[in-house]
C-alpha atoms as a PDB file:
ATOM      1  CA  MET A   1      30.454  20.150  11.768  1.00  0.00           C
ATOM      2  CA  LYS A   2      31.365  23.200   9.684  1.00  0.00           C
ATOM      3  CA  ASP A   3      32.983  20.931   7.095  1.00  0.00           C
ATOM      4  CA  ARG A   4      29.736  18.982   6.761  1.00  0.00           C
ATOM      5  CA  LYS A   5      27.803  22.188   6.127  1.00  0.00           C
ATOM      6  CA  LYS A   6      30.311  23.264   3.486  1.00  0.00           C
ATOM      7  CA  ILE A   7      30.106  19.868   1.795  1.00  0.00           C
ATOM      8  CA  GLN A   8      26.285  19.949   1.903  1.00  0.00           C
ATOM      9  CA  LYS A   9      26.192  23.450   0.392  1.00  0.00           C
ATOM     10  CA  LEU A  10      28.565  22.364  -2.373  1.00  0.00           C
ATOM     11  CA  THR A  11      26.509  19.229  -3.029  1.00  0.00           C
ATOM     12  CA  ASP A  12      23.301  21.266  -3.171  1.00  0.00           C
ATOM     13  CA  PHE A  13      24.922  23.754  -5.540  1.00  0.00           C
ATOM     14  CA  GLU A  14      26.070  20.985  -7.860  1.00  0.00           C
ATOM     15  CA  THR A  15      22.845  18.955  -7.811  1.00  0.00           C
ATOM     16  CA  LYS A  16      20.027  21.496  -7.590  1.00  0.00           C
ATOM     17  CA  LYS A  17      18.571  23.573 -10.400  1.00  0.00           C
ATOM     18  CA  SER A  18      17.495  27.167 -10.035  1.00  0.00           C
ATOM     19  CA  VAL A  19      14.087  28.186 -11.352  1.00  0.00           C
ATOM     20  CA  HIS A  20      12.982  31.780 -11.793  1.00  0.00           C
ATOM     21  CA  ILE A  21       9.311  32.606 -12.264  1.00  0.00           C
ATOM     22  CA  ASN A  22       7.227  35.741 -12.526  1.00  0.00           C
ATOM     23  CA  LEU A  23       4.049  36.062 -10.476  1.00  0.00           C
ATOM     24  CA  THR A  24       1.653  38.948 -10.302  1.00  0.00           C
ATOM     25  CA  LYS A  25       1.954  40.952  -7.105  1.00  0.00           C
ATOM     26  CA  GLY A  26      -1.463  39.758  -5.938  1.00  0.00           C
ATOM     27  CA  THR A  27      -0.698  36.106  -6.613  1.00  0.00           C
ATOM     28  CA  HIS A  28       2.647  36.394  -4.847  1.00  0.00           C
ATOM     29  CA  THR A  29       1.111  38.077  -1.809  1.00  0.00           C
ATOM     30  CA  GLY A  30      -1.732  35.576  -1.515  1.00  0.00           C
ATOM     31  CA  PHE A  31       0.586  32.607  -1.991  1.00  0.00           C
ATOM     32  CA  ARG A  32       3.098  33.876   0.589  1.00  0.00           C
ATOM     33  CA  THR A  33       0.296  34.540   3.087  1.00  0.00           C
ATOM     34  CA  VAL A  34      -1.060  31.000   2.840  1.00  0.00           C
ATOM     35  CA  LEU A  35       2.411  29.478   3.025  1.00  0.00           C
ATOM     36  CA  PHE A  36       3.305  31.653   6.022  1.00  0.00           C
ATOM     37  CA  GLU A  37       0.201  30.354   7.825  1.00  0.00           C
ATOM     38  CA  HIS A  38       1.514  26.811   7.263  1.00  0.00           C
ATOM     39  CA  ASP A  39       5.134  27.666   8.081  1.00  0.00           C
ATOM     40  CA  LEU A  40       6.257  26.715   4.560  1.00  0.00           C
ATOM     41  CA  SER A  41       8.527  28.407   2.044  1.00  0.00           C
ATOM     42  CA  MET A  42       7.805  28.796  -1.646  1.00  0.00           C
ATOM     43  CA  GLN A  43      10.845  26.630  -2.302  1.00  0.00           C
ATOM     44  CA  GLU A  44       9.399  23.785  -0.234  1.00  0.00           C
ATOM     45  CA  VAL A  45       6.023  23.955  -1.967  1.00  0.00           C
ATOM     46  CA  PHE A  46       7.395  24.275  -5.506  1.00  0.00           C
ATOM     47  CA  GLU A  47       9.787  21.384  -4.844  1.00  0.00           C
ATOM     48  CA  ARG A  48       6.901  19.246  -3.579  1.00  0.00           C
ATOM     49  CA  PHE A  49       4.678  20.113  -6.550  1.00  0.00           C
ATOM     50  CA  ALA A  50       7.465  19.410  -9.046  1.00  0.00           C
ATOM     51  CA  LEU A  51       8.081  16.052  -7.384  1.00  0.00           C
ATOM     52  CA  LEU A  52       4.375  15.201  -7.610  1.00  0.00           C
ATOM     53  CA  VAL A  53       4.247  16.168 -11.295  1.00  0.00           C
ATOM     54  CA  ALA A  54       7.396  14.186 -12.093  1.00  0.00           C
ATOM     55  CA  SER A  55       6.066  11.125 -10.276  1.00  0.00           C
ATOM     56  CA  GLY A  56       2.758  11.223 -12.168  1.00  0.00           C
ATOM     57  CA  ASP A  57       0.552  12.172  -9.226  1.00  0.00           C
ATOM     58  CA  GLU A  58      -3.034  12.415 -10.488  1.00  0.00           C
ATOM     59  CA  ARG A  59      -3.831  15.624  -8.555  1.00  0.00           C
ATOM     60  CA  ALA A  60      -0.766  17.364  -9.960  1.00  0.00           C
ATOM     61  CA  GLN A  61      -1.528  16.095 -13.462  1.00  0.00           C
ATOM     62  CA  ASP A  62      -5.041  17.549 -13.160  1.00  0.00           C
ATOM     63  CA  ILE A  63      -3.562  20.961 -12.320  1.00  0.00           C
ATOM     64  CA  ILE A  64      -1.250  20.719 -15.346  1.00  0.00           C
ATOM     65  CA  ALA A  65      -4.211  19.792 -17.583  1.00  0.00           C
ATOM     66  CA  GLU A  66      -6.206  22.725 -16.184  1.00  0.00           C
ATOM     67  CA  ALA A  67      -3.317  25.128 -16.856  1.00  0.00           C
ATOM     68  CA  LYS A  68      -3.140  23.833 -20.432  1.00  0.00           C
ATOM     69  CA  ILE A  69      -6.856  24.507 -20.971  1.00  0.00           C
ATOM     70  CA  ILE A  70      -6.549  28.017 -19.515  1.00  0.00           C
ATOM     71  CA  LYS A  71      -3.585  28.747 -21.791  1.00  0.00           C
ATOM     72  CA  ARG A  72      -5.449  27.452 -24.842  1.00  0.00           C
ATOM     73  CA  ASP A  73      -8.528  29.513 -23.986  1.00  0.00           C
ATOM     74  CA  LYS A  74      -6.431  32.675 -23.579  1.00  0.00           C
ATOM     75  CA  THR A  75      -4.812  32.043 -26.956  1.00  0.00           C
ATOM     76  CA  LEU A  76      -8.178  31.497 -28.639  1.00  0.00           C
ATOM     77  CA  GLN A  77      -9.582  34.622 -27.010  1.00  0.00           C
ATOM     78  CA  ARG A  78      -6.593  36.668 -28.206  1.00  0.00           C
ATOM     79  CA  LEU A  79      -6.923  35.284 -31.744  1.00  0.00           C
ATOM     80  CA  SER A  80     -10.648  36.016 -31.788  1.00  0.00           C
ATOM     81  CA  GLN A  81      -9.991  39.568 -30.570  1.00  0.00           C
ATOM     82  CA  ASN A  82      -7.407  40.075 -33.323  1.00  0.00           C
ATOM     83  CA  GLU A  83      -9.994  39.036 -35.933  1.00  0.00           C
ATOM     84  CA  VAL A  84     -12.415  41.636 -34.581  1.00  0.00           C
ATOM     85  CA  ASP A  85      -9.760  44.355 -34.731  1.00  0.00           C
END
């Protein structure tokens, strides 16, 4: 049994990618709280979301489109503020 665990760990190491992200403290706390209530880890949720995005899930695509709009709006706001300064 221990050999199987070693093999699985090695397989995971060779086939999985590590992702590092920065979240605000408030976002992190709120996210962890909700996930804790559902007995889920961040890893499980991020893996699921990435899978949905990669498979073209409409709900996930809508979130991506929303994030794009928010990013664009922040950029436009920053550019407008620079013109005022």
